[in-house]
Amino acid sequence: MSDLSILGEKAALAGMTMSSYVRQAAVAGQVQPRTVIPEINRKDWADLGRLAGNINQIATRLNQGGSVTGSDLTVLTEIRHILTGIRASLIGMEVPHGLSN
């Protein structure tokens, strides 16, 4: 098997193009394979990304000397409810009554 074939296989296994694979290997010295989110977890993954963005916006404002608003408390309460639902779904439990995921 040629070096080119080996690189092609390794890139495919990492979920990358060959040029991305070689570039990352050359620059970083190692290759981080593309993260593949199983279909069953994609909604939770997207929800967590949105929640992280909301938390980051609140934290940035607080770090700039702002204060917590009523709107922030509403968002934080929603985040707590969604996280409770995600945690329940990860272990196969039904989402607690009154909470949505």
C-alpha atoms as a PDB file:
ATOM      1  CA  MET A   1       0.000   0.000   0.000  1.00  0.00           C
ATOM      2  CA  SER A   2       1.385   3.420  -0.929  1.00  0.00           C
ATOM      3  CA  ASP A   3       1.899   6.293   1.505  1.00  0.00           C
ATOM      4  CA  LEU A   4      -0.801   8.211  -0.341  1.00  0.00           C
ATOM      5  CA  SER A   5      -3.283   5.365   0.155  1.00  0.00           C
ATOM      6  CA  ILE A   6      -2.437   5.123   3.842  1.00  0.00           C
ATOM      7  CA  LEU A   7      -2.946   8.880   4.289  1.00  0.00           C
ATOM      8  CA  GLY A   8      -6.247   8.652   2.428  1.00  0.00           C
ATOM      9  CA  GLU A   9      -7.485   5.871   4.704  1.00  0.00           C
ATOM     10  CA  LYS A  10      -6.388   7.665   7.872  1.00  0.00           C
ATOM     11  CA  ALA A  11      -8.061  10.888   6.719  1.00  0.00           C
ATOM     12  CA  ALA A  12     -11.284   9.026   5.946  1.00  0.00           C
ATOM     13  CA  LEU A  13     -11.267   7.329   9.359  1.00  0.00           C
ATOM     14  CA  ALA A  14     -10.803  10.738  10.994  1.00  0.00           C
ATOM     15  CA  GLY A  15     -13.708  12.134   8.942  1.00  0.00           C
ATOM     16  CA  MET A  16     -11.428  14.636   7.214  1.00  0.00           C
ATOM     17  CA  THR A  17     -10.185  15.470   3.751  1.00  0.00           C
ATOM     18  CA  MET A  18      -6.653  14.334   3.074  1.00  0.00           C
ATOM     19  CA  SER A  19      -5.387  17.929   2.876  1.00  0.00           C
ATOM     20  CA  SER A  20      -6.957  18.783   6.266  1.00  0.00           C
ATOM     21  CA  TYR A  21      -5.519  15.614   7.774  1.00  0.00           C
ATOM     22  CA  VAL A  22      -1.991  16.285   6.492  1.00  0.00           C
ATOM     23  CA  ARG A  23      -2.149  19.989   7.462  1.00  0.00           C
ATOM     24  CA  GLN A  24      -3.255  19.194  11.011  1.00  0.00           C
ATOM     25  CA  ALA A  25      -0.625  16.472  11.365  1.00  0.00           C
ATOM     26  CA  ALA A  26       2.115  18.806  10.110  1.00  0.00           C
ATOM     27  CA  VAL A  27       1.126  21.833  12.194  1.00  0.00           C
ATOM     28  CA  ALA A  28      -0.069  20.233  15.424  1.00  0.00           C
ATOM     29  CA  GLY A  29       1.960  17.048  15.318  1.00  0.00           C
ATOM     30  CA  GLN A  30      -1.196  15.017  15.850  1.00  0.00           C
ATOM     31  CA  VAL A  31      -4.648  14.726  14.337  1.00  0.00           C
ATOM     32  CA  GLN A  32      -7.863  15.283  16.255  1.00  0.00           C
ATOM     33  CA  PRO A  33     -10.582  13.324  14.460  1.00  0.00           C
ATOM     34  CA  ARG A  34     -13.774  15.146  13.630  1.00  0.00           C
ATOM     35  CA  THR A  35     -16.317  14.816  16.398  1.00  0.00           C
ATOM     36  CA  VAL A  36     -19.191  12.657  15.248  1.00  0.00           C
ATOM     37  CA  ILE A  37     -22.345  13.152  17.289  1.00  0.00           C
ATOM     38  CA  PRO A  38     -24.593  10.071  17.296  1.00  0.00           C
ATOM     39  CA  GLU A  39     -28.038  10.832  15.874  1.00  0.00           C
ATOM     40  CA  ILE A  40     -29.714  10.117  19.218  1.00  0.00           C
ATOM     41  CA  ASN A  41     -27.621  12.865  20.902  1.00  0.00           C
ATOM     42  CA  ARG A  42     -27.779  15.596  18.237  1.00  0.00           C
ATOM     43  CA  LYS A  43     -30.715  17.521  19.733  1.00  0.00           C
ATOM     44  CA  ASP A  44     -29.107  17.511  23.180  1.00  0.00           C
ATOM     45  CA  TRP A  45     -25.776  18.566  21.611  1.00  0.00           C
ATOM     46  CA  ALA A  46     -27.452  21.502  19.846  1.00  0.00           C
ATOM     47  CA  ASP A  47     -29.326  22.471  23.032  1.00  0.00           C
ATOM     48  CA  LEU A  48     -26.072  22.450  25.016  1.00  0.00           C
ATOM     49  CA  GLY A  49     -24.422  24.706  22.435  1.00  0.00           C
ATOM     50  CA  ARG A  50     -27.282  27.189  22.645  1.00  0.00           C
ATOM     51  CA  LEU A  51     -27.197  27.111  26.453  1.00  0.00           C
ATOM     52  CA  ALA A  52     -23.439  27.670  26.474  1.00  0.00           C
ATOM     53  CA  GLY A  53     -23.925  30.733  24.277  1.00  0.00           C
ATOM     54  CA  ASN A  54     -26.578  32.130  26.628  1.00  0.00           C
ATOM     55  CA  ILE A  55     -24.376  31.585  29.682  1.00  0.00           C
ATOM     56  CA  ASN A  56     -21.416  33.181  27.901  1.00  0.00           C
ATOM     57  CA  GLN A  57     -23.449  36.305  27.060  1.00  0.00           C
ATOM     58  CA  ILE A  58     -24.515  36.712  30.692  1.00  0.00           C
ATOM     59  CA  ALA A  59     -20.979  36.094  31.981  1.00  0.00           C
ATOM     60  CA  THR A  60     -19.497  38.598  29.516  1.00  0.00           C
ATOM     61  CA  ARG A  61     -21.928  41.312  30.611  1.00  0.00           C
ATOM     62  CA  LEU A  62     -21.212  40.590  34.292  1.00  0.00           C
ATOM     63  CA  ASN A  63     -17.454  40.680  33.661  1.00  0.00           C
ATOM     64  CA  GLN A  64     -17.901  44.092  32.038  1.00  0.00           C
ATOM     65  CA  GLY A  65     -19.488  45.437  35.216  1.00  0.00           C
ATOM     66  CA  GLY A  66     -23.124  44.770  34.344  1.00  0.00           C
ATOM     67  CA  SER A  67     -25.605  43.217  36.702  1.00  0.00           C
ATOM     68  CA  VAL A  68     -27.986  40.276  36.611  1.00  0.00           C
ATOM     69  CA  THR A  69     -31.357  41.242  35.180  1.00  0.00           C
ATOM     70  CA  GLY A  70     -34.769  39.635  35.499  1.00  0.00           C
ATOM     71  CA  SER A  71     -34.334  38.450  31.936  1.00  0.00           C
ATOM     72  CA  ASP A  72     -31.068  36.739  32.944  1.00  0.00           C
ATOM     73  CA  LEU A  73     -32.831  34.938  35.774  1.00  0.00           C
ATOM     74  CA  THR A  74     -35.484  33.731  33.341  1.00  0.00           C
ATOM     75  CA  VAL A  75     -32.784  32.448  30.960  1.00  0.00           C
ATOM     76  CA  LEU A  76     -30.884  30.765  33.802  1.00  0.00           C
ATOM     77  CA  THR A  77     -34.081  29.070  35.008  1.00  0.00           C
ATOM     78  CA  GLU A  78     -34.744  27.828  31.470  1.00  0.00           C
ATOM     79  CA  ILE A  79     -31.155  26.556  31.262  1.00  0.00           C
ATOM     80  CA  ARG A  80     -31.562  24.652  34.541  1.00  0.00           C
ATOM     81  CA  HIS A  81     -34.783  23.028  33.271  1.00  0.00           C
ATOM     82  CA  ILE A  82     -33.258  22.050  29.933  1.00  0.00           C
ATOM     83  CA  LEU A  83     -30.149  20.628  31.615  1.00  0.00           C
ATOM     84  CA  THR A  84     -32.348  18.586  33.956  1.00  0.00           C
ATOM     85  CA  GLY A  85     -34.141  17.180  30.916  1.00  0.00           C
ATOM     86  CA  ILE A  86     -30.896  16.399  29.107  1.00  0.00           C
ATOM     87  CA  ARG A  87     -29.475  14.655  32.156  1.00  0.00           C
ATOM     88  CA  ALA A  88     -32.652  12.581  32.487  1.00  0.00           C
ATOM     89  CA  SER A  89     -32.606  11.610  28.800  1.00  0.00           C
ATOM     90  CA  LEU A  90     -28.950  10.551  28.993  1.00  0.00           C
ATOM     91  CA  ILE A  91     -29.822   7.862  31.508  1.00  0.00           C
ATOM     92  CA  GLY A  92     -33.082   6.887  29.826  1.00  0.00           C
ATOM     93  CA  MET A  93     -35.409   8.541  32.318  1.00  0.00           C
ATOM     94  CA  GLU A  94     -38.551  10.395  31.397  1.00  0.00           C
ATOM     95  CA  VAL A  95     -38.197  14.179  31.559  1.00  0.00           C
ATOM     96  CA  PRO A  96     -39.553  15.356  34.949  1.00  0.00           C
ATOM     97  CA  HIS A  97     -43.077  16.812  34.855  1.00  0.00           C
ATOM     98  CA  GLY A  98     -43.148  20.495  33.965  1.00  0.00           C
ATOM     99  CA  LEU A  99     -39.698  20.454  32.383  1.00  0.00           C
ATOM    100  CA  SER A 100     -39.065  20.442  28.699  1.00  0.00           C
ATOM    101  CA  ASN A 101     -36.024  19.358  26.786  1.00  0.00           C
END
